[in-house]
């Protein structure tokens, strides 16, 4: 016999989860980080308990789902203003392979073995390690691969190749935050970066959505189009 109490609880749970999903946007679906993955599983578990376990109060279940559903939204907004929080929540990508060779520091940092990485390479259709120019382990757990030009599919531009291999592009600014570790690694200064950004039409770093150092040494800059109150440069 149909249990109408479970039916009502299921409908309430569905409506509530639908609202939270719309509020959180598509980020949760994309699962950009391990934290997003954990939140998705936990909210789903709370919702299932709220429907199928009569001893769980409906109000208690809604409170639990609300906290776990809205807290990531709040933290995402706060991370836009505080680079330390952004780094804590989302970590940063790790280079695992460069110029066809494993970087052991990256493997140790991500607790991976060479066999794990080779499996990910094969899933992406790459079977020869020497054909990999760069492999980056993203915060989502995906492996982004840049093949060597000699191993990449032939395109029209290949008939007029560059005389030398160019260094990989590097992001220097994200949403008004300077990536100082990257800047120091490249031997660049904040003064140089600010000067280049002003040449692109921005008054300050905090107006920059993304600034990327291109392979030819020039800086690509995209200015923030929204409300500048949403972006705060951390000194």
Protein backbone atom coordinates (compact mmCIF):
# COMPACT_ATOMS: atom_id res chain seq x y z
CA UNK A 1 0.00 0.00 0.00
CA UNK A 2 1.21 3.46 -0.87
CA UNK A 3 2.69 5.33 2.07
CA UNK A 4 1.48 8.90 1.59
CA UNK A 5 3.85 10.22 4.24
CA UNK A 6 6.85 9.02 2.25
CA UNK A 7 5.29 10.47 -0.91
CA UNK A 8 4.89 13.89 0.70
CA UNK A 9 8.41 13.81 2.15
CA UNK A 10 9.80 12.80 -1.24
CA UNK A 11 8.01 15.68 -2.99
CA UNK A 12 9.23 18.19 -0.39
CA UNK A 13 12.76 16.83 -0.69
CA UNK A 14 12.64 17.04 -4.49
CA UNK A 15 11.40 20.64 -4.51
CA UNK A 16 13.96 21.68 -1.91
CA UNK A 17 16.86 20.05 -3.78
CA UNK A 18 15.67 21.61 -7.04
CA UNK A 19 15.80 25.08 -5.47
CA UNK A 20 19.28 24.49 -4.02
CA UNK A 21 20.51 23.19 -7.37
CA UNK A 22 19.29 26.31 -9.14
CA UNK A 23 20.97 28.51 -6.52
CA UNK A 24 24.31 26.71 -6.72
CA UNK A 25 24.39 26.84 -10.53
CA UNK A 26 26.29 24.39 -12.75
CA UNK A 27 29.48 24.38 -10.69
CA UNK A 28 28.28 21.51 -8.50
CA UNK A 29 27.45 19.46 -11.58
CA UNK A 30 30.90 20.06 -13.06
CA UNK A 31 32.60 19.12 -9.77
CA UNK A 32 35.64 21.35 -10.18
CA UNK A 33 37.17 20.08 -6.95
CA UNK A 34 37.06 17.16 -4.53
CA UNK A 35 35.12 19.39 -2.14
CA UNK A 36 32.31 19.76 -4.71
CA UNK A 37 32.20 15.97 -5.04
CA UNK A 38 31.89 15.46 -1.27
CA UNK A 39 29.15 18.09 -0.99
CA UNK A 40 27.11 16.44 -3.75
CA UNK A 41 27.28 13.00 -2.12
CA UNK A 42 26.50 14.32 1.36
CA UNK A 43 23.47 16.37 0.28
CA UNK A 44 22.11 13.38 -1.64
CA UNK A 45 22.57 11.15 1.42
CA UNK A 46 20.77 13.64 3.66
CA UNK A 47 17.88 13.89 1.20
CA UNK A 48 17.54 10.09 0.97
CA UNK A 49 17.56 9.75 4.78
CA UNK A 50 14.92 12.45 5.06
CA UNK A 51 12.60 10.47 2.77
CA UNK A 52 13.22 6.84 3.70
CA UNK A 53 14.00 7.01 7.43
CA UNK A 54 10.86 7.86 9.45
CA UNK A 55 12.93 8.45 12.60
CA UNK A 56 14.62 11.37 10.83
CA UNK A 57 12.64 14.56 11.39
CA UNK A 58 11.62 16.33 8.19
CA UNK A 59 12.68 19.66 9.70
CA UNK A 60 16.06 18.24 10.77
CA UNK A 61 16.60 16.86 7.29
CA UNK A 62 15.76 20.18 5.64
CA UNK A 63 18.12 22.02 8.00
CA UNK A 64 20.97 19.61 7.20
CA UNK A 65 20.40 19.88 3.45
CA UNK A 66 20.16 23.68 3.70
CA UNK A 67 23.46 23.98 5.57
CA UNK A 68 25.35 21.68 3.21
CA UNK A 69 23.67 23.20 0.16
CA UNK A 70 24.17 26.89 0.96
CA UNK A 71 27.57 26.74 2.68
CA UNK A 72 29.43 25.99 -0.58
CA UNK A 73 27.67 28.96 -2.21
CA UNK A 74 28.76 31.22 0.64
CA UNK A 75 32.34 29.90 0.54
CA UNK A 76 32.46 30.37 -3.24
CA UNK A 77 31.46 34.03 -2.86
CA UNK A 78 33.99 34.56 -0.06
CA UNK A 79 36.79 32.91 -2.05
CA UNK A 80 36.38 35.60 -4.71
CA UNK A 81 37.46 38.16 -2.14
CA UNK A 82 40.10 36.15 -0.27
CA UNK A 83 42.77 34.36 -2.30
CA UNK A 84 43.88 32.30 0.73
CA UNK A 85 40.40 30.81 1.03
CA UNK A 86 40.31 30.15 -2.71
CA UNK A 87 43.60 28.24 -2.52
CA UNK A 88 42.40 26.30 0.54
CA UNK A 89 39.09 25.22 -1.01
CA UNK A 90 40.12 24.54 -4.59
CA UNK A 91 43.86 23.88 -4.30
CA UNK A 92 45.74 24.31 -7.59
CA UNK A 93 46.56 22.19 -10.65
CA UNK A 94 49.74 20.13 -10.52
CA UNK A 95 52.12 19.49 -13.41
CA UNK A 96 52.86 15.75 -13.58
CA UNK A 97 54.68 15.47 -16.90
CA UNK A 98 56.85 18.03 -18.67
CA UNK A 99 58.80 17.47 -21.86
CA UNK A 100 57.99 13.76 -21.81
CA UNK A 101 59.31 13.17 -18.28
CA UNK A 102 57.54 12.61 -14.98
CA UNK A 103 57.90 15.25 -12.27
CA UNK A 104 58.27 13.19 -9.10
CA UNK A 105 57.43 16.14 -6.84
CA UNK A 106 54.02 16.38 -8.50
CA UNK A 107 53.40 12.64 -8.16
CA UNK A 108 54.24 12.74 -4.45
CA UNK A 109 52.09 15.82 -3.86
CA UNK A 110 49.02 14.21 -5.45
CA UNK A 111 49.73 10.73 -4.01
CA UNK A 112 49.85 9.22 -7.49
CA UNK A 113 52.00 6.55 -9.07
CA UNK A 114 53.40 6.56 -12.59
CA UNK A 115 51.03 3.69 -13.37
CA UNK A 116 48.03 5.83 -12.30
CA UNK A 117 49.10 8.61 -14.64
CA UNK A 118 49.76 6.24 -17.53
CA UNK A 119 46.21 4.92 -17.12
CA UNK A 120 44.84 8.47 -17.39
CA UNK A 121 47.01 9.09 -20.44
CA UNK A 122 45.67 5.99 -22.17
CA UNK A 123 42.09 7.05 -21.42
CA UNK A 124 42.85 10.25 -23.33
CA UNK A 125 44.30 8.30 -26.26
CA UNK A 126 47.97 8.90 -25.43
CA UNK A 127 50.10 5.74 -25.28
CA UNK A 128 53.63 7.15 -25.63
CA UNK A 129 55.08 9.15 -22.76
CA UNK A 130 57.62 10.84 -25.00
CA UNK A 131 54.77 12.36 -27.06
CA UNK A 132 53.56 14.42 -24.06
CA UNK A 133 54.73 18.01 -23.85
CA UNK A 134 52.74 18.76 -20.69
CA UNK A 135 50.26 16.91 -18.47
CA UNK A 136 48.45 18.79 -15.73
CA UNK A 137 46.42 17.12 -12.97
CA UNK A 138 43.41 19.40 -12.47
CA UNK A 139 41.58 20.05 -9.20
CA UNK A 140 38.63 18.07 -10.59
CA UNK A 141 40.78 14.94 -10.91
CA UNK A 142 40.98 15.19 -14.70
CA UNK A 143 44.27 15.11 -16.59
CA UNK A 144 44.79 17.89 -19.14
CA UNK A 145 47.30 16.92 -21.83
CA UNK A 146 49.30 19.02 -24.28
CA UNK A 147 50.93 16.73 -26.88
CA UNK A 148 54.20 17.57 -28.54
CA UNK A 149 53.80 19.31 -31.88
CA UNK A 150 55.31 16.27 -33.60
CA UNK A 151 52.63 14.02 -32.07
CA UNK A 152 49.64 16.35 -32.52
CA UNK A 153 47.24 15.94 -35.49
CA UNK A 154 48.31 17.85 -38.59
CA UNK A 155 46.57 21.21 -39.14
CA UNK A 156 47.01 23.96 -41.73
CA UNK A 157 49.27 26.03 -39.45
CA UNK A 158 51.75 23.11 -39.31
CA UNK A 159 52.86 23.94 -42.87
CA UNK A 160 54.39 27.16 -41.50
CA UNK A 161 55.87 25.96 -38.20
CA UNK A 162 57.60 28.03 -35.55
CA UNK A 163 61.40 27.68 -35.64
CA UNK A 164 61.64 26.78 -31.94
CA UNK A 165 59.39 25.25 -29.29
CA UNK A 166 57.71 27.95 -27.22
CA UNK A 167 57.21 27.82 -23.44
CA UNK A 168 53.75 26.97 -22.19
CA UNK A 169 51.26 29.77 -21.40
CA UNK A 170 51.00 30.66 -17.70
CA UNK A 171 48.15 32.35 -15.86
CA UNK A 172 49.37 35.24 -13.68
CA UNK A 173 46.10 36.82 -12.46
CA UNK A 174 42.72 35.27 -11.67
CA UNK A 175 39.77 37.48 -10.64
CA UNK A 176 41.99 40.24 -9.30
CA UNK A 177 44.34 37.87 -7.44
CA UNK A 178 48.01 37.77 -8.43
CA UNK A 179 49.43 34.24 -8.53
CA UNK A 180 52.67 35.20 -6.82
CA UNK A 181 54.16 31.69 -6.87
CA UNK A 182 53.88 31.59 -10.65
CA UNK A 183 55.20 35.14 -10.95
CA UNK A 184 58.26 34.28 -8.84
CA UNK A 185 58.84 31.05 -10.73
CA UNK A 186 59.02 32.98 -14.00
CA UNK A 187 61.32 35.62 -12.51
CA UNK A 188 58.78 38.41 -13.04
CA UNK A 189 57.87 41.24 -10.68
CA UNK A 190 54.57 42.70 -9.55
CA UNK A 191 55.67 46.09 -10.88
CA UNK A 192 56.18 44.62 -14.37
CA UNK A 193 52.79 42.92 -14.23
CA UNK A 194 50.97 46.09 -13.16
CA UNK A 195 52.70 48.05 -15.92
CA UNK A 196 51.69 45.52 -18.57
CA UNK A 197 48.12 45.42 -17.29
CA UNK A 198 47.81 49.20 -17.54
CA UNK A 199 48.94 48.95 -21.17
CA UNK A 200 45.93 46.70 -21.74
CA UNK A 201 43.53 49.37 -20.45
CA UNK A 202 43.00 48.32 -16.83
CA UNK A 203 43.62 50.82 -14.03
CA UNK A 204 44.64 48.18 -11.48
CA UNK A 205 45.10 44.44 -11.04
CA UNK A 206 41.78 44.09 -9.26
CA UNK A 207 39.99 45.00 -12.49
CA UNK A 208 41.48 41.98 -14.27
CA UNK A 209 39.44 38.81 -14.65
CA UNK A 210 42.29 36.79 -16.21
CA UNK A 211 45.84 37.68 -17.24
CA UNK A 212 47.86 35.03 -19.08
CA UNK A 213 51.47 35.16 -20.22
CA UNK A 214 51.47 33.87 -23.79
CA UNK A 215 54.14 31.73 -25.42
CA UNK A 216 55.64 34.75 -27.19
CA UNK A 217 56.18 36.58 -23.88
CA UNK A 218 53.29 39.04 -24.27
CA UNK A 219 50.45 39.37 -21.79
CA UNK A 220 46.83 38.62 -22.64
CA UNK A 221 44.44 40.48 -20.32
CA UNK A 222 40.68 40.27 -19.95
CA UNK A 223 39.11 43.02 -17.87
CA UNK A 224 36.40 42.21 -15.33
CA UNK A 225 33.01 43.07 -16.85
CA UNK A 226 30.90 42.82 -13.71
CA UNK A 227 30.64 44.86 -10.53
CA UNK A 228 34.12 45.60 -9.21
CA UNK A 229 32.78 45.33 -5.67
CA UNK A 230 32.76 41.57 -6.22
CA UNK A 231 36.53 41.52 -6.64
CA UNK A 232 39.11 42.44 -4.02
CA UNK A 233 42.86 42.29 -4.47
CA UNK A 234 44.64 40.69 -1.53
CA UNK A 235 47.87 42.50 -0.76
